[in-house]
Amino acid sequence: MRLKYAANVLPIRVMCSGRISPHFILKAFQEGADGVLVAGCHIGECHYGKGNFITAKRVAVMRELIQFIGLSPKRLRLEWIATSEGNKFAQVVSDFTEEITQLGPSSLRPKKIAKFDTGKKMEGSLEAHQ
């Protein structure tokens, strides 16, 4: 089953949510994202051990940081979704997109939004920041 997203949604897959550096969350906002949704395995079900515990701590700190710099912490959301829960993921993305739309554009959004390069470059960057 192929999931459908709004045209303004850019899913970026990583091996584990614990590999998402706070730097990448900030970079997403700097590059024009109005919101960032981090989805990871349910607590206790991380294939890599404690990745989702790391993610929970990082996202909590990042919410405080983005609030400190003037963004609503609602712009950063964390959800626990198993890879087998495709319909749940699609619904969470839809709900989050609607919530972000209601918040309006991010105050960090540049006048010209950069093109975000996905794929090998992003994966390589993630590996470099471990």
C-alpha atoms as a PDB file:
ATOM      1  CA  MET A   1       0.000   0.000   0.000  1.00  0.00           C
ATOM      2  CA  ARG A   2       1.388   3.388  -1.017  1.00  0.00           C
ATOM      3  CA  LEU A   3       0.534   6.158   1.438  1.00  0.00           C
ATOM      4  CA  LYS A   4      -0.485   9.552   0.110  1.00  0.00           C
ATOM      5  CA  TYR A   5       0.573  12.833   1.661  1.00  0.00           C
ATOM      6  CA  ALA A   6      -0.196  16.467   1.018  1.00  0.00           C
ATOM      7  CA  ALA A   7       2.136  18.023  -1.549  1.00  0.00           C
ATOM      8  CA  ASN A   8       3.806  20.093   1.179  1.00  0.00           C
ATOM      9  CA  VAL A   9       4.828  17.031   3.239  1.00  0.00           C
ATOM     10  CA  LEU A  10       8.352  15.664   2.843  1.00  0.00           C
ATOM     11  CA  PRO A  11       8.842  12.329   4.622  1.00  0.00           C
ATOM     12  CA  ILE A  12      12.473  11.499   5.378  1.00  0.00           C
ATOM     13  CA  ARG A  13      13.133   7.927   6.483  1.00  0.00           C
ATOM     14  CA  VAL A  14      15.905   7.130   8.917  1.00  0.00           C
ATOM     15  CA  MET A  15      16.891   3.769  10.377  1.00  0.00           C
ATOM     16  CA  CYS A  16      15.981   4.858  13.910  1.00  0.00           C
ATOM     17  CA  SER A  17      14.391   7.988  15.365  1.00  0.00           C
ATOM     18  CA  GLY A  18      17.304   8.033  17.827  1.00  0.00           C
ATOM     19  CA  ARG A  19      19.554   8.979  14.914  1.00  0.00           C
ATOM     20  CA  ILE A  20      17.749  12.278  14.368  1.00  0.00           C
ATOM     21  CA  SER A  21      20.080  14.971  15.600  1.00  0.00           C
ATOM     22  CA  PRO A  22      18.631  18.176  17.088  1.00  0.00           C
ATOM     23  CA  HIS A  23      20.691  19.896  14.399  1.00  0.00           C
ATOM     24  CA  PHE A  24      18.482  18.369  11.695  1.00  0.00           C
ATOM     25  CA  ILE A  25      15.313  19.563  13.409  1.00  0.00           C
ATOM     26  CA  LEU A  26      16.634  23.121  13.594  1.00  0.00           C
ATOM     27  CA  LYS A  27      17.902  22.879  10.022  1.00  0.00           C
ATOM     28  CA  ALA A  28      14.421  21.892   8.836  1.00  0.00           C
ATOM     29  CA  PHE A  29      12.943  25.030  10.410  1.00  0.00           C
ATOM     30  CA  GLN A  30      15.755  27.197   9.028  1.00  0.00           C
ATOM     31  CA  GLU A  31      15.182  25.794   5.540  1.00  0.00           C
ATOM     32  CA  GLY A  32      11.485  26.638   5.598  1.00  0.00           C
ATOM     33  CA  ALA A  33       9.598  23.844   7.359  1.00  0.00           C
ATOM     34  CA  ASP A  34       6.562  25.121   9.235  1.00  0.00           C
ATOM     35  CA  GLY A  35       6.491  21.970  11.354  1.00  0.00           C
ATOM     36  CA  VAL A  36       8.519  18.843  12.058  1.00  0.00           C
ATOM     37  CA  LEU A  37       6.935  15.494  12.867  1.00  0.00           C
ATOM     38  CA  VAL A  38       9.211  12.860  14.364  1.00  0.00           C
ATOM     39  CA  ALA A  39       7.767   9.346  14.289  1.00  0.00           C
ATOM     40  CA  GLY A  40       9.494   6.448  15.973  1.00  0.00           C
ATOM     41  CA  CYS A  41       8.890   2.914  17.174  1.00  0.00           C
ATOM     42  CA  HIS A  42       6.766   2.471  20.264  1.00  0.00           C
ATOM     43  CA  ILE A  43       8.635   2.736  23.570  1.00  0.00           C
ATOM     44  CA  GLY A  44      10.276  -0.597  24.329  1.00  0.00           C
ATOM     45  CA  GLU A  45      10.150  -1.743  20.704  1.00  0.00           C
ATOM     46  CA  CYS A  46      13.285  -0.069  19.321  1.00  0.00           C
ATOM     47  CA  HIS A  47      15.308  -2.470  17.177  1.00  0.00           C
ATOM     48  CA  TYR A  48      18.437  -0.560  18.157  1.00  0.00           C
ATOM     49  CA  GLY A  49      17.867  -0.649  21.906  1.00  0.00           C
ATOM     50  CA  LYS A  50      17.130   2.767  23.333  1.00  0.00           C
ATOM     51  CA  GLY A  51      16.664   4.935  20.254  1.00  0.00           C
ATOM     52  CA  ASN A  52      13.146   5.992  21.122  1.00  0.00           C
ATOM     53  CA  PHE A  53      14.143   6.932  24.687  1.00  0.00           C
ATOM     54  CA  ILE A  54      16.874   9.152  23.228  1.00  0.00           C
ATOM     55  CA  THR A  55      14.350  10.649  20.821  1.00  0.00           C
ATOM     56  CA  ALA A  56      11.861  11.432  23.594  1.00  0.00           C
ATOM     57  CA  LYS A  57      14.521  13.336  25.544  1.00  0.00           C
ATOM     58  CA  ARG A  58      15.783  15.198  22.482  1.00  0.00           C
ATOM     59  CA  VAL A  59      12.333  16.252  21.337  1.00  0.00           C
ATOM     60  CA  ALA A  60      11.461  17.528  24.833  1.00  0.00           C
ATOM     61  CA  VAL A  61      14.609  19.669  24.849  1.00  0.00           C
ATOM     62  CA  MET A  62      13.997  20.818  21.277  1.00  0.00           C
ATOM     63  CA  ARG A  63      10.451  21.927  22.117  1.00  0.00           C
ATOM     64  CA  GLU A  64      11.871  24.143  24.855  1.00  0.00           C
ATOM     65  CA  LEU A  65      14.509  25.483  22.480  1.00  0.00           C
ATOM     66  CA  ILE A  66      12.120  26.335  19.671  1.00  0.00           C
ATOM     67  CA  GLN A  67       9.808  28.033  22.162  1.00  0.00           C
ATOM     68  CA  PHE A  68      12.801  30.044  23.420  1.00  0.00           C
ATOM     69  CA  ILE A  69      13.516  31.243  19.865  1.00  0.00           C
ATOM     70  CA  GLY A  70       9.886  32.256  19.360  1.00  0.00           C
ATOM     71  CA  LEU A  71       8.202  29.257  17.742  1.00  0.00           C
ATOM     72  CA  SER A  72       5.234  27.392  19.126  1.00  0.00           C
ATOM     73  CA  PRO A  73       6.281  24.012  20.548  1.00  0.00           C
ATOM     74  CA  LYS A  74       3.251  22.641  18.664  1.00  0.00           C
ATOM     75  CA  ARG A  75       5.385  22.910  15.522  1.00  0.00           C
ATOM     76  CA  LEU A  76       7.430  19.925  16.707  1.00  0.00           C
ATOM     77  CA  ARG A  77       5.511  16.729  17.316  1.00  0.00           C
ATOM     78  CA  LEU A  78       6.608  13.270  18.417  1.00  0.00           C
ATOM     79  CA  GLU A  79       4.518  10.172  17.730  1.00  0.00           C
ATOM     80  CA  TRP A  80       5.140   6.501  18.414  1.00  0.00           C
ATOM     81  CA  ILE A  81       4.067   4.546  15.328  1.00  0.00           C
ATOM     82  CA  ALA A  82       5.086   1.005  14.369  1.00  0.00           C
ATOM     83  CA  THR A  83       6.134   0.355  10.788  1.00  0.00           C
ATOM     84  CA  SER A  84       3.041  -1.845  10.451  1.00  0.00           C
ATOM     85  CA  GLU A  85       0.760   1.095  11.323  1.00  0.00           C
ATOM     86  CA  GLY A  86       0.680   2.785   7.933  1.00  0.00           C
ATOM     87  CA  ASN A  87      -2.892   4.017   8.273  1.00  0.00           C
ATOM     88  CA  LYS A  88      -2.123   5.513  11.684  1.00  0.00           C
ATOM     89  CA  PHE A  89       0.931   7.249  10.234  1.00  0.00           C
ATOM     90  CA  ALA A  90      -1.131   8.707   7.379  1.00  0.00           C
ATOM     91  CA  GLN A  91      -3.741   9.974   9.856  1.00  0.00           C
ATOM     92  CA  VAL A  92      -1.110  11.508  12.154  1.00  0.00           C
ATOM     93  CA  VAL A  93       0.504  13.262   9.166  1.00  0.00           C
ATOM     94  CA  SER A  94      -2.895  14.569   8.055  1.00  0.00           C
ATOM     95  CA  ASP A  95      -3.771  15.820  11.552  1.00  0.00           C
ATOM     96  CA  PHE A  96      -0.356  17.428  12.019  1.00  0.00           C
ATOM     97  CA  THR A  97      -0.537  19.111   8.606  1.00  0.00           C
ATOM     98  CA  GLU A  98      -3.922  20.581   9.525  1.00  0.00           C
ATOM     99  CA  GLU A  99      -2.632  21.817  12.891  1.00  0.00           C
ATOM    100  CA  ILE A 100       0.404  23.449  11.280  1.00  0.00           C
ATOM    101  CA  THR A 101      -1.785  25.056   8.614  1.00  0.00           C
ATOM    102  CA  GLN A 102      -3.878  26.620  11.389  1.00  0.00           C
ATOM    103  CA  LEU A 103      -0.716  27.974  13.055  1.00  0.00           C
ATOM    104  CA  GLY A 104       0.331  29.637   9.807  1.00  0.00           C
ATOM    105  CA  PRO A 105       3.840  30.041   8.409  1.00  0.00           C
ATOM    106  CA  SER A 106       6.796  29.759  10.757  1.00  0.00           C
ATOM    107  CA  SER A 107       8.478  33.028  11.706  1.00  0.00           C
ATOM    108  CA  LEU A 108      11.786  31.343  10.816  1.00  0.00           C
ATOM    109  CA  ARG A 109      10.652  30.610   7.264  1.00  0.00           C
ATOM    110  CA  PRO A 110      13.027  32.276   4.811  1.00  0.00           C
ATOM    111  CA  LYS A 111      11.557  34.412   2.037  1.00  0.00           C
ATOM    112  CA  LYS A 112      12.866  31.920  -0.486  1.00  0.00           C
ATOM    113  CA  ILE A 113      12.582  28.303   0.601  1.00  0.00           C
ATOM    114  CA  ALA A 114      15.606  26.157  -0.204  1.00  0.00           C
ATOM    115  CA  LYS A 115      15.196  22.871  -2.014  1.00  0.00           C
ATOM    116  CA  PHE A 116      15.670  20.048   0.457  1.00  0.00           C
ATOM    117  CA  ASP A 117      17.795  17.262  -0.979  1.00  0.00           C
ATOM    118  CA  THR A 118      16.694  13.834   0.200  1.00  0.00           C
ATOM    119  CA  GLY A 119      18.310  10.486  -0.336  1.00  0.00           C
ATOM    120  CA  LYS A 120      21.938   9.548  -0.043  1.00  0.00           C
ATOM    121  CA  LYS A 121      23.174  13.005   0.938  1.00  0.00           C
ATOM    122  CA  MET A 122      20.797  13.150   3.900  1.00  0.00           C
ATOM    123  CA  GLU A 123      21.575   9.621   5.019  1.00  0.00           C
ATOM    124  CA  GLY A 124      25.284  10.332   4.772  1.00  0.00           C
ATOM    125  CA  SER A 125      24.803  13.451   6.843  1.00  0.00           C
ATOM    126  CA  LEU A 126      22.947  11.515   9.509  1.00  0.00           C
ATOM    127  CA  GLU A 127      25.706   8.953   9.733  1.00  0.00           C
ATOM    128  CA  ALA A 128      28.303  11.691  10.056  1.00  0.00           C
ATOM    129  CA  HIS A 129      26.542  13.160  13.110  1.00  0.00           C
ATOM    130  CA  GLN A 130      26.410  10.035  15.249  1.00  0.00           C
END
